């Protein structure tokens, strides 16, 4: 059974998961025609293989640390760091330690 997305006006708890991180799953908080927000959970050693998103994205590391590879370079995102990519940029994420990231995808946004 899939979890329902938040409705307009609903409060969404995006605080770090702390001790619940190891039992948490990746979850889409909401999706509209123009934006999607997802909590991405990766445990140490897990990799999100190379892929791209259909729009501009930001990844905000809420806790833990990940090796983020895009645009020909690797960066380590730690809690409090944010990274931005333009539409359809290939990227790979590998968790250095148990990690939680907040992913925002701006859908259908055309470069100006």
N, C-alpha and C. Protein backbone atom coordinates (compact mmCIF):
# COMPACT_ATOMS: atom_id res chain seq x y z
N UNK A 1 0.85 -1.17 0.00
CA UNK A 1 0.00 0.00 0.00
C UNK A 1 0.89 1.23 0.00
N UNK A 2 0.66 2.16 -0.92
CA UNK A 2 1.47 3.36 -0.98
C UNK A 2 0.93 4.40 0.01
N UNK A 3 1.84 5.23 0.47
CA UNK A 3 1.45 6.27 1.41
C UNK A 3 0.88 7.45 0.63
N UNK A 4 -0.12 8.10 1.17
CA UNK A 4 -0.70 9.25 0.45
C UNK A 4 0.25 10.44 0.46
N UNK A 5 0.19 11.23 -0.60
CA UNK A 5 0.94 12.47 -0.65
C UNK A 5 0.24 13.50 0.22
N UNK A 6 0.99 14.51 0.64
CA UNK A 6 0.40 15.60 1.40
C UNK A 6 -0.51 16.41 0.49
N UNK A 7 -1.56 16.93 1.07
CA UNK A 7 -2.49 17.81 0.35
C UNK A 7 -2.09 19.26 0.61
N UNK A 8 -2.51 20.19 -0.23
CA UNK A 8 -2.20 21.60 0.02
C UNK A 8 -2.61 21.98 1.44
N UNK A 9 -1.72 22.65 2.14
CA UNK A 9 -1.99 23.09 3.50
C UNK A 9 -1.58 22.10 4.58
N UNK A 10 -1.26 20.85 4.21
CA UNK A 10 -0.82 19.85 5.20
C UNK A 10 0.58 20.19 5.71
N UNK A 11 0.82 19.94 6.99
CA UNK A 11 2.16 20.07 7.55
C UNK A 11 2.95 18.82 7.21
N UNK A 12 4.23 19.00 6.85
CA UNK A 12 5.10 17.88 6.52
C UNK A 12 6.32 17.97 7.43
N UNK A 13 6.61 16.91 8.16
CA UNK A 13 7.75 16.88 9.08
C UNK A 13 9.01 16.48 8.30
N UNK A 14 9.94 17.40 8.14
CA UNK A 14 11.17 17.12 7.41
C UNK A 14 12.39 17.14 8.33
N UNK A 15 12.15 17.10 9.63
CA UNK A 15 13.27 17.09 10.58
C UNK A 15 14.11 15.83 10.37
N UNK A 16 15.40 15.89 10.78
CA UNK A 16 16.24 14.70 10.70
C UNK A 16 15.57 13.53 11.44
N UNK A 17 15.81 12.33 10.95
CA UNK A 17 15.16 11.14 11.49
C UNK A 17 15.84 10.58 12.72
N UNK A 18 17.11 10.92 12.93
CA UNK A 18 17.83 10.46 14.11
C UNK A 18 17.86 8.95 14.21
N UNK A 19 17.46 8.41 15.35
CA UNK A 19 17.54 6.96 15.59
C UNK A 19 16.59 6.17 14.70
N UNK A 20 15.60 6.81 14.09
CA UNK A 20 14.66 6.12 13.20
C UNK A 20 15.19 6.00 11.77
N UNK A 21 16.36 6.58 11.47
CA UNK A 21 16.87 6.61 10.11
C UNK A 21 17.04 5.23 9.50
N UNK A 22 17.60 4.28 10.24
CA UNK A 22 17.87 2.94 9.69
C UNK A 22 16.59 2.19 9.30
N UNK A 23 15.45 2.54 9.90
CA UNK A 23 14.19 1.86 9.59
C UNK A 23 13.34 2.64 8.58
N UNK A 24 13.77 3.83 8.21
CA UNK A 24 12.98 4.69 7.33
C UNK A 24 13.17 4.29 5.87
N UNK A 25 12.22 4.67 5.05
CA UNK A 25 12.27 4.42 3.62
C UNK A 25 12.21 5.74 2.86
N UNK A 26 12.69 5.71 1.63
CA UNK A 26 12.52 6.85 0.75
C UNK A 26 11.02 7.06 0.56
N UNK A 27 10.61 8.35 0.58
CA UNK A 27 9.18 8.63 0.50
C UNK A 27 8.93 9.95 -0.22
N UNK A 28 8.01 9.94 -1.16
CA UNK A 28 7.57 11.18 -1.81
C UNK A 28 6.59 11.88 -0.87
N UNK A 29 6.90 13.13 -0.51
CA UNK A 29 6.01 13.89 0.35
C UNK A 29 4.84 14.46 -0.44
N UNK A 30 5.13 15.04 -1.59
CA UNK A 30 4.04 15.53 -2.43
C UNK A 30 4.53 15.69 -3.86
N UNK A 31 3.56 15.71 -4.77
CA UNK A 31 3.86 15.90 -6.19
C UNK A 31 2.71 16.67 -6.80
N UNK A 32 3.08 17.71 -7.54
CA UNK A 32 2.09 18.47 -8.29
C UNK A 32 2.53 18.46 -9.75
N UNK A 33 1.85 19.24 -10.56
CA UNK A 33 2.23 19.33 -11.97
C UNK A 33 3.61 19.95 -12.16
N UNK A 34 4.07 20.75 -11.17
CA UNK A 34 5.31 21.52 -11.35
C UNK A 34 6.42 21.21 -10.38
N UNK A 35 6.12 20.54 -9.26
CA UNK A 35 7.16 20.29 -8.26
C UNK A 35 6.91 18.96 -7.55
N UNK A 36 8.00 18.30 -7.17
CA UNK A 36 7.92 17.07 -6.38
C UNK A 36 8.97 17.16 -5.29
N UNK A 37 8.60 16.76 -4.06
CA UNK A 37 9.52 16.75 -2.94
C UNK A 37 9.56 15.34 -2.36
N UNK A 38 10.79 14.81 -2.23
CA UNK A 38 11.00 13.42 -1.81
C UNK A 38 12.05 13.38 -0.71
N UNK A 39 11.79 12.59 0.33
CA UNK A 39 12.83 12.29 1.33
C UNK A 39 13.54 11.03 0.84
N UNK A 40 14.83 11.15 0.55
CA UNK A 40 15.64 10.03 0.07
C UNK A 40 16.44 9.49 1.24
N UNK A 41 16.29 8.19 1.51
CA UNK A 41 17.03 7.53 2.58
C UNK A 41 17.98 6.52 1.95
N UNK A 42 19.26 6.66 2.25
CA UNK A 42 20.27 5.70 1.80
C UNK A 42 21.10 5.28 3.00
N UNK A 43 21.25 3.97 3.18
CA UNK A 43 22.09 3.47 4.26
C UNK A 43 23.52 3.36 3.78
N UNK A 44 24.46 3.39 4.70
CA UNK A 44 25.89 3.36 4.37
C UNK A 44 26.18 2.27 3.33
N UNK A 45 26.86 2.67 2.25
CA UNK A 45 27.22 1.74 1.19
C UNK A 45 26.22 1.62 0.07
N UNK A 46 24.99 2.06 0.28
CA UNK A 46 23.98 1.99 -0.78
C UNK A 46 24.26 3.05 -1.84
N UNK A 47 23.95 2.69 -3.09
CA UNK A 47 24.18 3.60 -4.21
C UNK A 47 22.90 3.79 -4.99
N UNK A 48 22.65 5.01 -5.36
CA UNK A 48 21.57 5.35 -6.28
C UNK A 48 22.28 5.50 -7.63
N UNK A 49 22.15 4.49 -8.49
CA UNK A 49 22.92 4.45 -9.72
C UNK A 49 22.67 5.66 -10.62
N UNK A 50 23.55 5.84 -11.58
CA UNK A 50 23.48 7.01 -12.46
C UNK A 50 22.11 7.14 -13.11
N UNK A 51 21.55 8.33 -13.00
CA UNK A 51 20.23 8.62 -13.55
C UNK A 51 20.10 10.13 -13.70
N UNK A 52 18.96 10.59 -14.18
CA UNK A 52 18.71 12.02 -14.28
C UNK A 52 17.26 12.29 -13.91
N UNK A 53 16.98 13.53 -13.58
CA UNK A 53 15.62 13.94 -13.23
C UNK A 53 15.06 14.78 -14.38
N UNK A 54 13.74 14.80 -14.50
CA UNK A 54 13.10 15.51 -15.61
C UNK A 54 13.03 17.03 -15.44
N UNK A 55 13.68 17.55 -14.42
CA UNK A 55 13.66 18.99 -14.19
C UNK A 55 14.83 19.41 -13.33
N UNK A 56 14.91 20.69 -13.04
CA UNK A 56 15.95 21.18 -12.14
C UNK A 56 15.74 20.56 -10.77
N UNK A 57 16.85 20.27 -10.07
CA UNK A 57 16.75 19.62 -8.76
C UNK A 57 17.66 20.27 -7.74
N UNK A 58 17.27 20.12 -6.49
CA UNK A 58 18.17 20.41 -5.37
C UNK A 58 18.17 19.19 -4.46
N UNK A 59 19.32 18.89 -3.92
CA UNK A 59 19.48 17.88 -2.88
C UNK A 59 19.98 18.59 -1.65
N UNK A 60 19.25 18.49 -0.55
CA UNK A 60 19.70 19.04 0.72
C UNK A 60 19.96 17.87 1.66
N UNK A 61 21.20 17.75 2.12
CA UNK A 61 21.55 16.67 3.05
C UNK A 61 21.06 17.06 4.45
N UNK A 62 20.14 16.26 4.97
CA UNK A 62 19.57 16.53 6.29
C UNK A 62 20.40 15.89 7.41
N UNK A 63 20.95 14.70 7.11
CA UNK A 63 21.81 14.01 8.08
C UNK A 63 22.63 12.97 7.35
N UNK A 64 23.79 12.66 7.92
CA UNK A 64 24.70 11.71 7.30
C UNK A 64 25.59 12.39 6.29
N UNK A 65 26.13 11.60 5.35
CA UNK A 65 26.96 12.16 4.28
C UNK A 65 26.92 11.21 3.09
N UNK A 66 26.95 11.82 1.90
CA UNK A 66 26.91 11.05 0.66
C UNK A 66 27.96 11.58 -0.30
N UNK A 67 28.44 10.69 -1.16
CA UNK A 67 29.32 11.08 -2.25
C UNK A 67 28.41 11.30 -3.45
N UNK A 68 28.38 12.53 -3.95
CA UNK A 68 27.49 12.92 -5.04
C UNK A 68 28.36 13.19 -6.26
N UNK A 69 28.14 12.45 -7.34
CA UNK A 69 28.93 12.63 -8.56
C UNK A 69 28.04 13.18 -9.67
N UNK A 70 28.47 14.32 -10.23
CA UNK A 70 27.75 14.95 -11.34
C UNK A 70 28.69 15.93 -12.03
N UNK A 71 28.44 16.19 -13.28
CA UNK A 71 29.22 17.17 -14.04
C UNK A 71 30.72 16.85 -14.03
N UNK A 72 31.03 15.56 -13.98
CA UNK A 72 32.42 15.13 -14.04
C UNK A 72 33.21 15.27 -12.75
N UNK A 73 32.53 15.54 -11.63
CA UNK A 73 33.26 15.66 -10.36
C UNK A 73 32.45 15.07 -9.22
N UNK A 74 33.16 14.67 -8.19
CA UNK A 74 32.53 14.12 -6.99
C UNK A 74 32.59 15.16 -5.88
N UNK A 75 31.50 15.27 -5.13
CA UNK A 75 31.43 16.17 -3.98
C UNK A 75 30.85 15.38 -2.82
N UNK A 76 31.29 15.70 -1.63
CA UNK A 76 30.71 15.09 -0.43
C UNK A 76 29.71 16.06 0.15
N UNK A 77 28.45 15.60 0.22
CA UNK A 77 27.40 16.39 0.87
C UNK A 77 27.26 15.89 2.29
N UNK A 78 27.35 16.82 3.22
CA UNK A 78 27.16 16.52 4.63
C UNK A 78 25.93 17.29 5.13
N UNK A 79 25.46 16.93 6.31
CA UNK A 79 24.30 17.61 6.88
C UNK A 79 24.46 19.12 6.78
N UNK A 80 23.45 19.77 6.20
CA UNK A 80 23.47 21.21 6.03
C UNK A 80 23.91 21.66 4.65
N UNK A 81 24.46 20.76 3.85
CA UNK A 81 24.88 21.10 2.48
C UNK A 81 23.72 20.92 1.51
N UNK A 82 23.73 21.75 0.46
CA UNK A 82 22.74 21.65 -0.61
C UNK A 82 23.46 21.70 -1.95
N UNK A 83 22.94 20.95 -2.92
CA UNK A 83 23.51 20.92 -4.26
C UNK A 83 22.39 21.11 -5.27
N UNK A 84 22.68 21.86 -6.33
CA UNK A 84 21.70 22.17 -7.38
C UNK A 84 22.19 21.61 -8.70
N UNK A 85 21.29 21.02 -9.49
CA UNK A 85 21.60 20.57 -10.85
C UNK A 85 20.51 21.03 -11.80
N UNK A 86 20.92 21.31 -13.02
CA UNK A 86 19.95 21.65 -14.05
C UNK A 86 19.24 20.39 -14.54
N UNK A 87 18.23 20.57 -15.33
CA UNK A 87 17.40 19.49 -15.85
C UNK A 87 18.22 18.45 -16.61
N UNK A 88 17.89 17.19 -16.38
CA UNK A 88 18.45 16.04 -17.09
C UNK A 88 19.94 15.83 -16.91
N UNK A 89 20.55 16.39 -15.85
CA UNK A 89 21.97 16.17 -15.56
C UNK A 89 22.14 14.78 -14.94
N UNK A 90 23.00 13.96 -15.53
CA UNK A 90 23.28 12.64 -14.97
C UNK A 90 23.99 12.81 -13.63
N UNK A 91 23.61 11.98 -12.66
CA UNK A 91 24.25 12.02 -11.35
C UNK A 91 24.14 10.66 -10.65
N UNK A 92 25.05 10.45 -9.70
CA UNK A 92 25.09 9.23 -8.90
C UNK A 92 25.27 9.64 -7.44
N UNK A 93 24.62 8.89 -6.55
CA UNK A 93 24.73 9.17 -5.12
C UNK A 93 25.13 7.88 -4.41
N UNK A 94 26.16 7.96 -3.57
CA UNK A 94 26.56 6.81 -2.75
C UNK A 94 26.66 7.26 -1.30
N UNK A 95 25.98 6.54 -0.43
CA UNK A 95 25.98 6.90 0.99
C UNK A 95 27.29 6.50 1.65
N UNK A 96 27.95 7.46 2.25
CA UNK A 96 29.16 7.20 3.03
C UNK A 96 28.75 6.66 4.40
N UNK A 97 27.68 7.22 4.93
CA UNK A 97 27.09 6.75 6.18
C UNK A 97 25.57 6.81 6.02
N UNK A 98 24.83 6.28 6.96
CA UNK A 98 23.37 6.34 6.88
C UNK A 98 22.98 7.80 6.68
N UNK A 99 22.15 8.06 5.66
CA UNK A 99 21.88 9.44 5.26
C UNK A 99 20.43 9.67 4.87
N UNK A 100 20.00 10.90 5.06
CA UNK A 100 18.68 11.35 4.66
C UNK A 100 18.85 12.66 3.90
N UNK A 101 18.26 12.71 2.70
CA UNK A 101 18.34 13.91 1.85
C UNK A 101 16.94 14.36 1.47
N UNK A 102 16.78 15.64 1.30
CA UNK A 102 15.52 16.20 0.82
C UNK A 102 15.74 16.59 -0.63
N UNK A 103 15.04 15.91 -1.53
CA UNK A 103 15.15 16.14 -2.98
C UNK A 103 13.94 16.95 -3.44
N UNK A 104 14.20 18.04 -4.14
CA UNK A 104 13.14 18.83 -4.75
C UNK A 104 13.36 18.84 -6.25
N UNK A 105 12.33 18.49 -7.02
CA UNK A 105 12.40 18.47 -8.47
C UNK A 105 11.40 19.49 -9.00
N UNK A 106 11.90 20.41 -9.79
CA UNK A 106 11.02 21.38 -10.45
C UNK A 106 10.70 20.81 -11.82
N UNK A 107 9.49 20.36 -12.01
CA UNK A 107 9.07 19.63 -13.21
C UNK A 107 8.61 20.60 -14.30
N UNK A 108 9.01 20.30 -15.53
CA UNK A 108 8.51 21.06 -16.66
C UNK A 108 9.05 22.47 -16.76
N UNK A 109 10.13 22.77 -16.02
CA UNK A 109 10.70 24.10 -16.06
C UNK A 109 11.64 24.20 -17.25
N UNK A 110 11.41 25.12 -18.10
CA UNK A 110 12.26 25.34 -19.28
C UNK A 110 13.32 26.37 -18.93
N UNK A 111 14.55 26.13 -19.37
CA UNK A 111 15.62 27.10 -19.14
C UNK A 111 15.26 28.44 -19.78
N UNK A 112 15.57 29.50 -19.10
CA UNK A 112 15.24 30.84 -19.61
C UNK A 112 16.49 31.51 -20.14
